[in-house]
Amino acid sequence: NDPNGHMVVQDMLDFLRDAFDTFAGKNVRGQATITSGNTSVAVSATLSPTYSVVVTPLADPNARFWVSGKSSTGFTINLSAAAGISGVLFDWIAKGA
């Protein structure tokens, strides 16, 4: 019954859009490949001092994987055994970057 109810909804949508844009702007993503015979790849990116990074192999690496050496200029993706002939491709996202 509020004749201005649509304005309240529009104001909330504008607020949520701005909040999401601020959050989404703090994410950096990419791909990196650990090439055949290697156990790591350095990823270069401009990142904040405090960020979280998630890596996902796009195929079974047949080894454990982890991130090390986090800094404001990048990080390293590691494998516990050398990558096979085709290497291992990873997707990564740094949140809060």
Protein backbone atom coordinates (compact mmCIF):
# COMPACT_ATOMS: atom_id res chain seq x y z
CA ASN A 1 0.00 0.00 0.00
CA ASP A 2 3.06 2.28 0.06
CA PRO A 3 3.05 4.41 -3.10
CA ASN A 4 6.84 4.87 -2.76
CA GLY A 5 7.61 1.20 -2.03
CA HIS A 6 9.26 0.78 -5.40
CA MET A 7 11.81 3.45 -4.43
CA VAL A 8 12.79 1.51 -1.31
CA VAL A 9 13.39 -1.56 -3.47
CA GLN A 10 15.42 0.47 -5.97
CA ASP A 11 17.53 1.99 -3.17
CA MET A 12 18.27 -1.49 -1.81
CA LEU A 13 19.22 -2.78 -5.27
CA ASP A 14 21.56 0.18 -5.76
CA PHE A 15 23.18 -0.49 -2.37
CA LEU A 16 23.66 -4.20 -3.14
CA ARG A 17 25.10 -3.41 -6.58
CA ASP A 18 27.66 -1.04 -5.05
CA ALA A 19 28.56 -3.49 -2.28
CA PHE A 20 29.02 -6.33 -4.80
CA ASP A 21 31.13 -4.17 -7.11
CA THR A 22 33.42 -3.31 -4.19
CA PHE A 23 33.78 -6.99 -3.26
CA ALA A 24 34.19 -8.27 -6.82
CA GLY A 25 36.82 -5.64 -7.50
CA LYS A 26 39.02 -7.23 -4.84
CA ASN A 27 39.30 -10.58 -6.64
CA VAL A 28 42.02 -11.52 -9.09
CA ARG A 29 41.94 -14.76 -11.07
CA GLY A 30 43.89 -16.61 -13.68
CA GLN A 31 45.45 -19.86 -14.81
CA ALA A 32 48.92 -21.31 -14.34
CA THR A 33 50.57 -24.49 -15.63
CA ILE A 34 53.15 -26.60 -13.91
CA THR A 35 55.00 -27.86 -16.95
CA SER A 36 56.18 -31.43 -17.56
CA GLY A 37 58.89 -32.58 -15.17
CA ASN A 38 58.49 -29.60 -12.81
CA THR A 39 57.01 -29.42 -9.32
CA SER A 40 56.04 -25.74 -9.09
CA VAL A 41 55.05 -22.60 -10.93
CA ALA A 42 55.38 -19.01 -9.74
CA VAL A 43 52.28 -16.87 -10.28
CA SER A 44 52.80 -13.12 -10.59
CA ALA A 45 49.92 -10.81 -9.65
CA THR A 46 49.36 -7.55 -7.82
CA LEU A 47 47.80 -8.54 -4.51
CA SER A 48 47.06 -6.97 -1.14
CA PRO A 49 49.14 -7.98 1.88
CA THR A 50 46.21 -10.03 3.19
CA TYR A 51 44.47 -12.28 0.69
CA SER A 52 43.28 -15.85 0.36
CA VAL A 53 44.15 -17.89 -2.68
CA VAL A 54 42.37 -21.00 -3.94
CA VAL A 55 43.84 -23.24 -6.64
CA THR A 56 41.99 -25.95 -8.56
CA PRO A 57 43.68 -28.43 -10.90
CA LEU A 58 41.76 -28.91 -14.16
CA ALA A 59 42.82 -32.56 -14.32
CA ASP A 60 43.92 -35.07 -11.67
CA PRO A 61 47.52 -34.12 -10.85
CA ASN A 62 48.18 -37.54 -9.26
CA ALA A 63 49.99 -35.67 -6.48
CA ARG A 64 49.29 -33.38 -3.55
CA PHE A 65 49.23 -29.67 -4.36
CA TRP A 66 49.52 -26.55 -2.21
CA VAL A 67 50.32 -22.84 -2.28
CA SER A 68 53.46 -21.33 -0.77
CA GLY A 69 55.44 -18.10 -0.87
CA LYS A 70 52.45 -15.76 -0.70
CA SER A 71 53.42 -12.10 -1.07
CA SER A 72 51.94 -8.92 -2.48
CA THR A 73 53.50 -9.77 -5.86
CA GLY A 74 52.32 -13.37 -6.19
CA PHE A 75 52.55 -16.92 -4.88
CA THR A 76 53.77 -20.39 -5.89
CA ILE A 77 51.68 -23.46 -6.72
CA ASN A 78 53.48 -26.68 -5.77
CA LEU A 79 53.12 -30.42 -6.53
CA SER A 80 54.50 -33.24 -4.39
CA ALA A 81 55.66 -35.09 -7.54
CA ALA A 82 56.81 -33.88 -10.95
CA ALA A 83 54.06 -33.06 -13.45
CA GLY A 84 53.46 -35.60 -16.20
CA ILE A 85 54.03 -35.13 -19.93
CA SER A 86 51.07 -32.79 -20.44
CA GLY A 87 51.77 -30.74 -17.29
CA VAL A 88 49.08 -29.68 -14.83
CA LEU A 89 46.85 -26.67 -15.50
CA PHE A 90 45.41 -24.84 -12.48
CA ASP A 91 42.67 -22.24 -12.17
CA TRP A 92 43.34 -19.82 -9.32
CA ILE A 93 41.52 -16.99 -7.58
CA ALA A 94 42.93 -14.59 -5.01
CA LYS A 95 40.18 -13.14 -2.82
CA GLY A 96 40.65 -9.83 -1.08
CA ALA A 97 43.42 -8.98 -3.52
